[in-house]
Each structure stands twice: as structure tokens, then as C-alpha cells.
Amino acid sequence: MSKISKAGRAVGIYGCFTETGEPSETRATAAEVEICPLCMEPLQKKQRLICTHAFCADCLEGSILTLGLQCPVCLKALRVVGDQPEGKMTWERKDWFLLISYIIPKRIQTKAHPNPGKLFIGIKTEAWLPNSWEGEEVLKLLQRAFEQKLVFTVAATDGAAERVVFNDIPHSGDMNACYKRGFLQEVKAALRAKGIE
């Protein structure tokens, strides 16, 4: 059984990953840019599903609205797997709040990140949710998102070294902001777009 090379990560005609039998520098260079099978453009804010198909975040969100929670290519039940590095998520009750703590230590980037083999800067941060039934519901959804590696990503910031940053799921770093009208609905909508509800 042959291994899938970097060139083998290229998206085929139907959006399926293909294996390459012949190493070719031209192919490897062309394969560096993955194409979204929905818009046929280079991937923007890449979202990879458990079935291995990858899409632009906006394209996938639109597909979920029309097709429901299934892969638009193979029609398998949708479960997005992100590129978040390994880390730890804990939480505790603090009177009227739920305090979430995230720790992702610095590590070497993998092939899912911008510069495999290079170091990225980790993160230690906190987020707040209201201590209510809806806050607890969102907490459970965020735990699932963290398990599916969707809460953080590795990104270059201002030309500096790559670092761990929040992905596109809203978080409140301020106790009072988590009680803002519509905040929990905004978080749930972002999670729903990733197949978590």
C-alpha cells in the first residue's frame, strides 16, 4: 500500500483525495494549493471533514444550509475536524459565570499547519460564559468543538512567528460581555456552521 505524498493531498475531479504513483516536482508544487470542490477556488479558512474532504468555511456553511449536516461530496454525516494543536480545556463555576481555561503549549507545527517542522507559539487564555442552562449548553458544544480541534488554529500574525489564535468561534474574554444580548446565539450559530449542535 503506497503512502499518500504531499502531492497526494491534491483534490481530484470530484473532490476526493487521490494517491500519486509518480513523484513529480510539478505535481508537488501544484498540490500545495488545495482547491475547494464547491467554488473551485483555493481554500479559504479551510474546514476538513472526518471523511477527509476539505472546503472553504463559507462554502461549507452554505452547503449545510441547503443539504443539511452531510458532506457535499460523499454525503456522509458531517463532522468537521480542524487543525488545532493538542492542548487542554478545563472549566469551573465562578458564582454567576462559567470560566473556561485553555492551554496549548508551544510545539512543532505538523503538516496541517502553515510551516510544518517549525515552532509555533502556544496560548494560555480564559473565556467566560453565563452560569445558566443556556451557558452550560454552549459549554458542552464548545467542549465538542475543542475535541474536534476547531477552537484554535495556527496562524502567522504581523509577519512574526506563527502562533495559536482563536479560530472563528466567538469567545468572551470579559465577564460582562458574555451576558451581552445575542452572544450565546452567535456562538451557537458559529458552532452549527461546523456541524456542532
N, C-alpha and C. Protein backbone atom coordinates (compact mmCIF):
# COMPACT_ATOMS: atom_id res chain seq x y z
N MET A 1 0.85 -1.17 0.00
CA MET A 1 0.00 0.00 0.00
C MET A 1 0.90 1.24 0.00
N SER A 2 0.70 2.11 -0.93
CA SER A 2 1.56 3.28 -1.02
C SER A 2 1.09 4.36 -0.06
N LYS A 3 2.02 5.18 0.35
CA LYS A 3 1.69 6.28 1.24
C LYS A 3 1.19 7.45 0.40
N ILE A 4 0.36 8.27 1.01
CA ILE A 4 -0.11 9.46 0.31
C ILE A 4 0.95 10.54 0.51
N SER A 5 1.50 11.02 -0.58
CA SER A 5 2.53 12.05 -0.51
C SER A 5 1.88 13.41 -0.39
N LYS A 6 2.70 14.46 -0.26
CA LYS A 6 2.15 15.81 -0.27
C LYS A 6 1.35 16.03 -1.54
N ALA A 7 1.87 15.52 -2.64
CA ALA A 7 1.15 15.67 -3.90
C ALA A 7 -0.16 14.92 -3.85
N GLY A 8 -0.21 13.84 -3.08
CA GLY A 8 -1.43 13.05 -2.98
C GLY A 8 -2.53 13.74 -2.21
N ARG A 9 -2.22 14.87 -1.57
CA ARG A 9 -3.24 15.62 -0.86
C ARG A 9 -4.07 16.46 -1.82
N ALA A 10 -3.71 16.48 -3.07
CA ALA A 10 -4.44 17.30 -4.04
C ALA A 10 -5.87 16.80 -4.18
N VAL A 11 -6.76 17.70 -4.45
CA VAL A 11 -8.16 17.33 -4.62
C VAL A 11 -8.38 16.88 -6.05
N GLY A 12 -8.99 15.72 -6.21
CA GLY A 12 -9.26 15.18 -7.54
C GLY A 12 -10.48 15.83 -8.16
N ILE A 13 -10.91 15.30 -9.29
CA ILE A 13 -12.01 15.92 -10.04
C ILE A 13 -13.31 15.99 -9.26
N TYR A 14 -13.56 15.01 -8.39
CA TYR A 14 -14.79 15.03 -7.60
C TYR A 14 -14.53 15.44 -6.15
N GLY A 15 -13.39 16.04 -5.90
CA GLY A 15 -13.08 16.49 -4.55
C GLY A 15 -12.53 15.39 -3.66
N CYS A 16 -12.26 14.22 -4.21
CA CYS A 16 -11.72 13.13 -3.42
C CYS A 16 -10.21 13.21 -3.44
N PHE A 17 -9.59 12.78 -2.36
CA PHE A 17 -8.14 12.79 -2.31
C PHE A 17 -7.61 11.65 -3.16
N THR A 18 -6.56 11.95 -3.90
CA THR A 18 -6.01 10.96 -4.82
C THR A 18 -4.59 10.62 -4.42
N GLU A 19 -4.18 9.40 -4.72
CA GLU A 19 -2.81 8.99 -4.48
C GLU A 19 -2.04 9.15 -5.78
N THR A 20 -0.77 9.48 -5.64
CA THR A 20 0.05 9.62 -6.84
C THR A 20 1.07 8.52 -6.87
N GLY A 21 1.24 7.91 -8.01
CA GLY A 21 2.21 6.85 -8.16
C GLY A 21 3.54 7.37 -8.65
N GLU A 22 3.51 8.49 -9.38
CA GLU A 22 4.74 9.03 -9.96
C GLU A 22 5.12 10.32 -9.26
N PRO A 23 6.27 10.35 -8.59
CA PRO A 23 6.69 11.62 -7.99
C PRO A 23 7.04 12.63 -9.08
N SER A 24 6.54 13.81 -8.93
CA SER A 24 6.81 14.84 -9.91
C SER A 24 6.87 16.18 -9.20
N GLU A 25 7.93 16.94 -9.44
CA GLU A 25 8.05 18.24 -8.78
C GLU A 25 6.93 19.17 -9.20
N THR A 26 6.51 19.06 -10.45
CA THR A 26 5.42 19.91 -10.92
C THR A 26 4.14 19.60 -10.16
N ARG A 27 3.85 18.31 -10.01
CA ARG A 27 2.66 17.92 -9.28
C ARG A 27 2.73 18.39 -7.84
N ALA A 28 3.86 18.21 -7.18
CA ALA A 28 4.00 18.59 -5.78
C ALA A 28 3.78 20.08 -5.61
N THR A 29 4.28 20.88 -6.53
CA THR A 29 4.10 22.32 -6.44
C THR A 29 2.64 22.69 -6.63
N ALA A 30 1.98 22.08 -7.61
CA ALA A 30 0.58 22.37 -7.86
C ALA A 30 -0.30 21.91 -6.70
N ALA A 31 0.10 20.83 -6.04
CA ALA A 31 -0.71 20.28 -4.96
C ALA A 31 -0.63 21.09 -3.68
N GLU A 32 0.32 22.01 -3.58
CA GLU A 32 0.45 22.82 -2.38
C GLU A 32 -0.82 23.64 -2.15
N VAL A 33 -1.54 23.97 -3.21
CA VAL A 33 -2.76 24.75 -3.09
C VAL A 33 -3.95 23.81 -3.26
N GLU A 34 -4.69 23.59 -2.17
CA GLU A 34 -5.88 22.75 -2.26
C GLU A 34 -7.03 23.59 -2.79
N ILE A 35 -7.86 22.96 -3.61
CA ILE A 35 -8.99 23.63 -4.23
C ILE A 35 -10.29 23.17 -3.57
N CYS A 36 -11.18 24.10 -3.29
CA CYS A 36 -12.49 23.77 -2.74
C CYS A 36 -13.34 23.15 -3.85
N PRO A 37 -13.91 21.97 -3.64
CA PRO A 37 -14.72 21.34 -4.68
C PRO A 37 -16.06 22.03 -4.92
N LEU A 38 -16.43 22.98 -4.07
CA LEU A 38 -17.70 23.69 -4.26
C LEU A 38 -17.53 24.95 -5.11
N CYS A 39 -16.53 25.78 -4.77
CA CYS A 39 -16.34 27.03 -5.52
C CYS A 39 -15.21 26.94 -6.54
N MET A 40 -14.43 25.83 -6.49
CA MET A 40 -13.30 25.59 -7.39
C MET A 40 -12.22 26.67 -7.28
N GLU A 41 -12.11 27.29 -6.11
CA GLU A 41 -11.08 28.29 -5.82
C GLU A 41 -10.17 27.73 -4.73
N PRO A 42 -8.97 28.33 -4.52
CA PRO A 42 -8.13 27.89 -3.40
C PRO A 42 -8.89 28.00 -2.07
N LEU A 43 -8.65 27.05 -1.18
CA LEU A 43 -9.37 27.01 0.09
C LEU A 43 -9.14 28.27 0.92
N GLN A 44 -10.23 28.83 1.43
CA GLN A 44 -10.20 29.98 2.32
C GLN A 44 -10.75 29.52 3.67
N LYS A 45 -10.00 29.70 4.76
CA LYS A 45 -10.41 29.24 6.09
C LYS A 45 -10.81 27.77 6.01
N LYS A 46 -9.86 26.94 5.63
CA LYS A 46 -10.10 25.52 5.35
C LYS A 46 -10.80 24.79 6.49
N GLN A 47 -11.83 24.03 6.13
CA GLN A 47 -12.53 23.15 7.06
C GLN A 47 -12.45 21.75 6.48
N ARG A 48 -11.84 20.82 7.23
CA ARG A 48 -11.71 19.44 6.76
C ARG A 48 -12.70 18.58 7.53
N LEU A 49 -13.46 17.77 6.81
CA LEU A 49 -14.42 16.88 7.44
C LEU A 49 -13.76 15.56 7.79
N ILE A 50 -14.42 14.77 8.63
CA ILE A 50 -13.86 13.49 9.05
C ILE A 50 -13.70 12.55 7.86
N CYS A 51 -14.47 12.74 6.79
CA CYS A 51 -14.34 11.92 5.58
C CYS A 51 -13.14 12.36 4.74
N THR A 52 -12.40 13.34 5.18
CA THR A 52 -11.19 13.93 4.59
C THR A 52 -11.44 14.98 3.52
N HIS A 53 -12.67 15.24 3.13
CA HIS A 53 -12.93 16.30 2.15
C HIS A 53 -12.76 17.65 2.83
N ALA A 54 -12.20 18.61 2.11
CA ALA A 54 -11.94 19.94 2.65
C ALA A 54 -12.68 20.99 1.82
N PHE A 55 -13.15 22.04 2.50
CA PHE A 55 -13.93 23.10 1.86
C PHE A 55 -13.57 24.44 2.47
N CYS A 56 -13.91 25.51 1.75
CA CYS A 56 -13.84 26.85 2.33
C CYS A 56 -14.91 26.91 3.43
N ALA A 57 -14.64 27.63 4.50
CA ALA A 57 -15.61 27.73 5.60
C ALA A 57 -16.95 28.27 5.11
N ASP A 58 -16.93 29.32 4.28
CA ASP A 58 -18.18 29.90 3.79
C ASP A 58 -18.93 28.95 2.87
N CYS A 59 -18.19 28.23 2.03
CA CYS A 59 -18.83 27.26 1.12
C CYS A 59 -19.50 26.15 1.92
N LEU A 60 -18.81 25.66 2.94
CA LEU A 60 -19.36 24.58 3.76
C LEU A 60 -20.59 25.06 4.51
N GLU A 61 -20.53 26.28 5.04
CA GLU A 61 -21.69 26.83 5.75
C GLU A 61 -22.90 26.91 4.82
N GLY A 62 -22.69 27.38 3.58
CA GLY A 62 -23.78 27.44 2.61
C GLY A 62 -24.32 26.06 2.27
N SER A 63 -23.43 25.10 2.17
CA SER A 63 -23.84 23.73 1.87
C SER A 63 -24.69 23.14 3.00
N ILE A 64 -24.31 23.43 4.24
CA ILE A 64 -25.07 22.93 5.39
C ILE A 64 -26.49 23.49 5.35
N LEU A 65 -26.62 24.75 4.96
CA LEU A 65 -27.95 25.36 4.90
C LEU A 65 -28.84 24.70 3.85
N THR A 66 -28.24 24.25 2.74
CA THR A 66 -29.05 23.64 1.67
C THR A 66 -29.15 22.12 1.78
N LEU A 67 -28.04 21.44 2.09
CA LEU A 67 -28.03 19.97 2.13
C LEU A 67 -28.24 19.40 3.52
N GLY A 68 -28.06 20.20 4.55
CA GLY A 68 -28.10 19.69 5.92
C GLY A 68 -26.71 19.25 6.35
N LEU A 69 -26.65 18.50 7.42
CA LEU A 69 -25.38 18.11 8.02
C LEU A 69 -24.79 16.88 7.35
N GLN A 70 -24.33 17.07 6.12
CA GLN A 70 -23.66 15.99 5.39
C GLN A 70 -22.61 16.58 4.47
N CYS A 71 -21.62 15.76 4.13
CA CYS A 71 -20.57 16.19 3.22
C CYS A 71 -21.17 16.41 1.84
N PRO A 72 -20.93 17.56 1.20
CA PRO A 72 -21.48 17.81 -0.12
C PRO A 72 -20.88 16.92 -1.21
N VAL A 73 -19.75 16.25 -0.93
CA VAL A 73 -19.12 15.39 -1.93
C VAL A 73 -19.56 13.94 -1.78
N CYS A 74 -19.37 13.37 -0.58
CA CYS A 74 -19.67 11.94 -0.40
C CYS A 74 -20.97 11.70 0.37
N LEU A 75 -21.60 12.76 0.87
CA LEU A 75 -22.88 12.72 1.58
C LEU A 75 -22.83 12.00 2.93
N LYS A 76 -21.63 11.79 3.48
CA LYS A 76 -21.53 11.20 4.82
C LYS A 76 -21.94 12.25 5.85
N ALA A 77 -22.38 11.77 7.02
CA ALA A 77 -22.77 12.68 8.10
C ALA A 77 -21.60 13.61 8.41
N LEU A 78 -21.92 14.86 8.62
CA LEU A 78 -20.90 15.89 8.77
C LEU A 78 -20.25 15.88 10.14
N ARG A 79 -18.96 15.90 10.16
CA ARG A 79 -18.17 16.11 11.38
C ARG A 79 -16.88 16.77 10.93
N VAL A 80 -16.74 18.02 11.27
CA VAL A 80 -15.55 18.78 10.88
C VAL A 80 -14.41 18.47 11.85
N VAL A 81 -13.21 18.28 11.31
CA VAL A 81 -12.02 18.11 12.13
C VAL A 81 -11.06 19.24 11.76
N GLY A 82 -10.68 20.04 12.75
CA GLY A 82 -9.82 21.19 12.48
C GLY A 82 -8.34 20.87 12.60
N ASP A 83 -7.53 21.93 12.61
CA ASP A 83 -6.08 21.78 12.67
C ASP A 83 -5.50 22.28 14.00
N GLN A 84 -6.36 22.40 15.01
CA GLN A 84 -5.92 22.88 16.32
C GLN A 84 -4.86 21.95 16.90
N PRO A 85 -3.78 22.49 17.42
CA PRO A 85 -2.77 21.65 18.07
C PRO A 85 -3.33 21.02 19.36
N GLU A 86 -2.65 19.98 19.84
CA GLU A 86 -3.06 19.33 21.08
C GLU A 86 -2.98 20.32 22.24
N GLY A 87 -3.94 20.22 23.14
CA GLY A 87 -3.97 21.11 24.29
C GLY A 87 -4.95 20.63 25.32
N LYS A 88 -5.30 21.53 26.23
CA LYS A 88 -6.18 21.16 27.34
C LYS A 88 -7.24 22.23 27.54
N MET A 89 -8.48 21.80 27.76
CA MET A 89 -9.59 22.70 28.07
C MET A 89 -10.18 22.26 29.41
N THR A 90 -10.29 23.19 30.36
CA THR A 90 -10.93 22.91 31.64
C THR A 90 -11.94 24.02 31.91
N TRP A 91 -12.82 23.80 32.85
CA TRP A 91 -13.78 24.84 33.22
C TRP A 91 -14.15 24.70 34.69
N GLU A 92 -14.67 25.81 35.24
CA GLU A 92 -15.14 25.81 36.63
C GLU A 92 -16.24 26.86 36.78
N ARG A 93 -17.08 26.65 37.80
CA ARG A 93 -18.13 27.63 38.12
C ARG A 93 -17.54 28.74 38.99
N LYS A 94 -17.88 29.97 38.64
CA LYS A 94 -17.46 31.13 39.43
C LYS A 94 -18.69 32.01 39.64
N ASP A 95 -19.45 31.73 40.69
CA ASP A 95 -20.68 32.46 41.00
C ASP A 95 -21.63 32.49 39.80
N TRP A 96 -21.78 33.64 39.16
CA TRP A 96 -22.72 33.80 38.05
C TRP A 96 -22.11 33.45 36.69
N PHE A 97 -20.92 32.88 36.71
CA PHE A 97 -20.19 32.64 35.47
C PHE A 97 -19.65 31.22 35.38
N LEU A 98 -19.35 30.81 34.17
CA LEU A 98 -18.59 29.60 33.88
C LEU A 98 -17.27 30.08 33.29
N LEU A 99 -16.16 29.71 33.91
CA LEU A 99 -14.84 30.14 33.44
C LEU A 99 -14.18 28.98 32.71
N ILE A 100 -13.86 29.19 31.44
CA ILE A 100 -13.19 28.18 30.62
C ILE A 100 -11.71 28.56 30.53
N SER A 101 -10.84 27.59 30.75
CA SER A 101 -9.39 27.82 30.61
C SER A 101 -8.85 26.93 29.51
N TYR A 102 -8.09 27.53 28.61
CA TYR A 102 -7.47 26.80 27.50
C TYR A 102 -5.95 26.90 27.64
N ILE A 103 -5.26 25.79 27.44
CA ILE A 103 -3.80 25.79 27.41
C ILE A 103 -3.34 24.95 26.22
N ILE A 104 -2.60 25.58 25.32
CA ILE A 104 -1.96 24.87 24.22
C ILE A 104 -0.49 25.28 24.24
N PRO A 105 0.39 24.36 24.65
CA PRO A 105 1.81 24.71 24.75
C PRO A 105 2.47 24.86 23.38
N LYS A 106 3.62 25.56 23.37
CA LYS A 106 4.35 25.70 22.10
C LYS A 106 4.83 24.32 21.67
N ARG A 107 4.82 24.12 20.36
CA ARG A 107 5.22 22.83 19.79
C ARG A 107 5.73 23.06 18.38
N ILE A 108 6.06 21.95 17.75
CA ILE A 108 6.46 21.97 16.34
C ILE A 108 5.21 21.80 15.49
N GLN A 109 5.11 22.60 14.42
CA GLN A 109 3.96 22.52 13.52
C GLN A 109 3.94 21.18 12.78
N THR A 110 2.72 20.69 12.54
CA THR A 110 2.53 19.46 11.78
C THR A 110 2.19 19.82 10.34
N LYS A 111 1.94 18.83 9.51
CA LYS A 111 1.61 19.09 8.10
C LYS A 111 0.27 19.81 7.94
N ALA A 112 -0.54 19.86 9.00
CA ALA A 112 -1.81 20.59 8.94
C ALA A 112 -1.63 22.09 9.12
N HIS A 113 -0.43 22.52 9.49
CA HIS A 113 -0.18 23.93 9.80
C HIS A 113 0.62 24.63 8.70
N PRO A 114 0.73 25.98 8.79
CA PRO A 114 1.38 26.74 7.71
C PRO A 114 2.83 26.35 7.39
N ASN A 115 3.65 26.07 8.40
CA ASN A 115 5.06 25.75 8.18
C ASN A 115 5.47 24.50 8.96
N PRO A 116 5.14 23.31 8.44
CA PRO A 116 5.49 22.07 9.14
C PRO A 116 6.97 22.02 9.51
N GLY A 117 7.23 21.54 10.73
CA GLY A 117 8.61 21.42 11.20
C GLY A 117 9.12 22.63 11.96
N LYS A 118 8.42 23.77 11.86
CA LYS A 118 8.83 24.97 12.58
C LYS A 118 8.02 25.12 13.87
N LEU A 119 8.58 25.83 14.82
CA LEU A 119 7.96 26.05 16.12
C LEU A 119 6.79 27.02 15.99
N PHE A 120 5.73 26.81 16.78
CA PHE A 120 4.68 27.82 16.91
C PHE A 120 4.58 28.23 18.37
N ILE A 121 4.09 29.43 18.61
CA ILE A 121 3.92 29.96 19.96
C ILE A 121 2.57 29.50 20.48
N GLY A 122 2.55 28.95 21.68
CA GLY A 122 1.32 28.43 22.27
C GLY A 122 0.43 29.53 22.83
N ILE A 123 -0.60 29.12 23.56
CA ILE A 123 -1.54 30.08 24.14
C ILE A 123 -2.05 29.56 25.48
N LYS A 124 -2.27 30.49 26.39
CA LYS A 124 -2.93 30.20 27.67
C LYS A 124 -3.94 31.32 27.83
N THR A 125 -5.23 31.00 27.78
CA THR A 125 -6.25 32.04 27.79
C THR A 125 -7.50 31.55 28.51
N GLU A 126 -8.37 32.49 28.84
CA GLU A 126 -9.63 32.18 29.51
C GLU A 126 -10.78 32.81 28.75
N ALA A 127 -11.95 32.20 28.90
CA ALA A 127 -13.17 32.73 28.30
C ALA A 127 -14.31 32.54 29.30
N TRP A 128 -15.33 33.38 29.18
CA TRP A 128 -16.43 33.38 30.14
C TRP A 128 -17.75 33.06 29.45
N LEU A 129 -18.61 32.34 30.18
CA LEU A 129 -19.98 32.09 29.76
C LEU A 129 -20.89 32.37 30.96
N PRO A 130 -22.16 32.69 30.72
CA PRO A 130 -23.08 32.85 31.84
C PRO A 130 -23.33 31.50 32.52
N ASN A 131 -23.48 31.50 33.83
CA ASN A 131 -23.80 30.29 34.57
C ASN A 131 -25.32 30.10 34.53
N SER A 132 -25.79 29.58 33.40
CA SER A 132 -27.22 29.36 33.17
C SER A 132 -27.37 28.08 32.37
N TRP A 133 -28.61 27.64 32.17
CA TRP A 133 -28.81 26.41 31.39
C TRP A 133 -28.28 26.59 29.97
N GLU A 134 -28.49 27.78 29.38
CA GLU A 134 -28.00 28.01 28.02
C GLU A 134 -26.47 28.13 27.99
N GLY A 135 -25.90 28.72 29.04
CA GLY A 135 -24.44 28.79 29.14
C GLY A 135 -23.83 27.40 29.23
N GLU A 136 -24.47 26.51 30.00
CA GLU A 136 -23.98 25.13 30.12
C GLU A 136 -24.12 24.38 28.79
N GLU A 137 -25.21 24.66 28.07
CA GLU A 137 -25.40 24.05 26.75
C GLU A 137 -24.27 24.46 25.80
N VAL A 138 -23.94 25.75 25.79
CA VAL A 138 -22.86 26.25 24.94
C VAL A 138 -21.52 25.68 25.39
N LEU A 139 -21.32 25.53 26.70
CA LEU A 139 -20.09 24.93 27.21
C LEU A 139 -19.90 23.52 26.65
N LYS A 140 -20.97 22.72 26.67
CA LYS A 140 -20.88 21.35 26.13
C LYS A 140 -20.55 21.36 24.64
N LEU A 141 -21.14 22.31 23.91
CA LEU A 141 -20.86 22.42 22.48
C LEU A 141 -19.40 22.84 22.26
N LEU A 142 -18.90 23.76 23.08
CA LEU A 142 -17.50 24.18 22.96
C LEU A 142 -16.55 23.03 23.29
N GLN A 143 -16.93 22.18 24.24
CA GLN A 143 -16.10 21.02 24.56
C GLN A 143 -16.01 20.09 23.35
N ARG A 144 -17.14 19.88 22.67
CA ARG A 144 -17.12 19.06 21.45
C ARG A 144 -16.26 19.71 20.38
N ALA A 145 -16.38 21.03 20.23
CA ALA A 145 -15.57 21.75 19.23
C ALA A 145 -14.09 21.61 19.56
N PHE A 146 -13.73 21.67 20.84
CA PHE A 146 -12.33 21.53 21.24
C PHE A 146 -11.84 20.13 20.92
N GLU A 147 -12.66 19.11 21.21
CA GLU A 147 -12.29 17.72 20.90
C GLU A 147 -12.09 17.52 19.40
N GLN A 148 -12.87 18.25 18.59
CA GLN A 148 -12.76 18.15 17.13
C GLN A 148 -11.72 19.12 16.57
N LYS A 149 -10.96 19.76 17.45
CA LYS A 149 -9.85 20.64 17.07
C LYS A 149 -10.29 21.86 16.26
N LEU A 150 -11.39 22.49 16.68
CA LEU A 150 -11.97 23.60 15.93
C LEU A 150 -11.86 24.96 16.62
N VAL A 151 -11.47 24.99 17.89
CA VAL A 151 -11.49 26.25 18.63
C VAL A 151 -10.31 27.15 18.28
N PHE A 152 -9.14 26.55 18.05
CA PHE A 152 -7.93 27.31 17.75
C PHE A 152 -7.33 26.86 16.42
N THR A 153 -6.43 27.67 15.90
CA THR A 153 -5.66 27.32 14.72
C THR A 153 -4.27 27.93 14.87
N VAL A 154 -3.36 27.55 14.01
CA VAL A 154 -2.02 28.16 13.98
C VAL A 154 -2.00 29.13 12.82
N ALA A 155 -1.62 30.38 13.09
CA ALA A 155 -1.62 31.39 12.03
C ALA A 155 -0.43 32.33 12.21
N ALA A 156 0.02 32.89 11.09
CA ALA A 156 1.06 33.92 11.12
C ALA A 156 0.39 35.23 11.50
N THR A 157 1.04 36.00 12.37
CA THR A 157 0.47 37.28 12.77
C THR A 157 1.51 38.37 12.58
N ASP A 158 1.19 39.38 11.79
CA ASP A 158 2.06 40.53 11.56
C ASP A 158 3.49 40.17 11.18
N GLY A 159 3.66 39.15 10.36
CA GLY A 159 4.98 38.77 9.89
C GLY A 159 5.85 38.10 10.95
N ALA A 160 5.30 37.93 12.16
CA ALA A 160 6.07 37.29 13.24
C ALA A 160 5.92 35.77 13.13
N ALA A 161 6.47 35.07 14.10
CA ALA A 161 6.36 33.60 14.13
C ALA A 161 4.90 33.19 14.23
N GLU A 162 4.59 32.01 13.70
CA GLU A 162 3.22 31.51 13.80
C GLU A 162 2.87 31.30 15.27
N ARG A 163 1.60 31.54 15.57
CA ARG A 163 1.13 31.37 16.94
C ARG A 163 -0.27 30.79 16.94
N VAL A 164 -0.67 30.25 18.08
CA VAL A 164 -2.02 29.72 18.24
C VAL A 164 -2.96 30.90 18.45
N VAL A 165 -4.04 30.95 17.68
CA VAL A 165 -5.05 32.01 17.79
C VAL A 165 -6.43 31.36 17.78
N PHE A 166 -7.43 32.10 18.30
CA PHE A 166 -8.80 31.61 18.22
C PHE A 166 -9.18 31.47 16.76
N ASN A 167 -9.92 30.43 16.46
CA ASN A 167 -10.47 30.25 15.12
C ASN A 167 -11.67 31.18 15.01
N ASP A 168 -12.70 30.84 14.29
CA ASP A 168 -13.82 31.76 14.09
C ASP A 168 -15.03 31.49 14.99
N ILE A 169 -14.83 30.84 16.13
CA ILE A 169 -15.90 30.65 17.11
C ILE A 169 -15.77 31.76 18.15
N PRO A 170 -16.80 32.61 18.31
CA PRO A 170 -16.70 33.74 19.25
C PRO A 170 -16.48 33.28 20.69
N HIS A 171 -15.64 33.99 21.41
CA HIS A 171 -15.40 33.77 22.83
C HIS A 171 -15.43 35.11 23.54
N SER A 172 -15.82 35.11 24.80
CA SER A 172 -15.84 36.34 25.59
C SER A 172 -14.69 36.32 26.58
N GLY A 173 -13.75 37.23 26.41
CA GLY A 173 -12.64 37.35 27.35
C GLY A 173 -12.99 38.25 28.52
N ASP A 174 -14.21 38.79 28.50
CA ASP A 174 -14.67 39.72 29.53
C ASP A 174 -15.91 39.13 30.20
N MET A 175 -15.91 39.10 31.53
CA MET A 175 -17.04 38.53 32.27
C MET A 175 -18.37 39.14 31.85
N ASN A 176 -18.43 40.43 31.77
CA ASN A 176 -19.70 41.11 31.50
C ASN A 176 -20.15 40.94 30.05
N ALA A 177 -19.22 40.82 29.13
CA ALA A 177 -19.58 40.70 27.71
C ALA A 177 -20.31 39.39 27.42
N CYS A 178 -20.09 38.36 28.25
CA CYS A 178 -20.75 37.08 27.98
C CYS A 178 -22.25 37.16 28.23
N TYR A 179 -22.70 38.19 28.95
CA TYR A 179 -24.14 38.38 29.17
C TYR A 179 -24.77 39.30 28.13
N LYS A 180 -23.96 39.76 27.17
CA LYS A 180 -24.47 40.65 26.12
C LYS A 180 -25.58 39.93 25.34
N ARG A 181 -26.63 40.65 25.03
CA ARG A 181 -27.76 40.07 24.29
C ARG A 181 -27.28 39.49 22.96
N GLY A 182 -27.63 38.24 22.70
CA GLY A 182 -27.31 37.60 21.43
C GLY A 182 -25.96 36.89 21.40
N PHE A 183 -25.13 37.05 22.46
CA PHE A 183 -23.79 36.44 22.44
C PHE A 183 -23.86 34.92 22.32
N LEU A 184 -24.67 34.27 23.16
CA LEU A 184 -24.74 32.81 23.12
C LEU A 184 -25.31 32.30 21.80
N GLN A 185 -26.26 33.04 21.22
CA GLN A 185 -26.81 32.65 19.92
C GLN A 185 -25.75 32.76 18.83
N GLU A 186 -24.90 33.78 18.94
CA GLU A 186 -23.80 33.96 17.98
C GLU A 186 -22.81 32.79 18.06
N VAL A 187 -22.49 32.36 19.29
CA VAL A 187 -21.58 31.23 19.48
C VAL A 187 -22.22 29.96 18.90
N LYS A 188 -23.50 29.74 19.21
CA LYS A 188 -24.19 28.53 18.71
C LYS A 188 -24.27 28.52 17.19
N ALA A 189 -24.48 29.69 16.58
CA ALA A 189 -24.54 29.76 15.11
C ALA A 189 -23.19 29.39 14.51
N ALA A 190 -22.09 29.87 15.10
CA ALA A 190 -20.75 29.54 14.59
C ALA A 190 -20.48 28.04 14.74
N LEU A 191 -20.92 27.46 15.85
CA LEU A 191 -20.73 26.02 16.07
C LEU A 191 -21.60 25.20 15.12
N ARG A 192 -22.83 25.66 14.89
CA ARG A 192 -23.74 24.97 13.97
C ARG A 192 -23.14 24.91 12.57
N ALA A 193 -22.46 25.98 12.17
CA ALA A 193 -21.83 26.02 10.85
C ALA A 193 -20.73 24.97 10.72
N LYS A 194 -20.24 24.50 11.85
CA LYS A 194 -19.20 23.46 11.85
C LYS A 194 -19.80 22.09 12.15
N GLY A 195 -21.13 22.00 12.16
CA GLY A 195 -21.79 20.71 12.37
C GLY A 195 -21.95 20.34 13.82
N ILE A 196 -21.79 21.29 14.72
CA ILE A 196 -21.92 21.00 16.15
C ILE A 196 -23.17 21.69 16.67
N GLU A 197 -24.17 20.86 17.05
CA GLU A 197 -25.39 21.42 17.65
C GLU A 197 -26.03 20.43 18.58
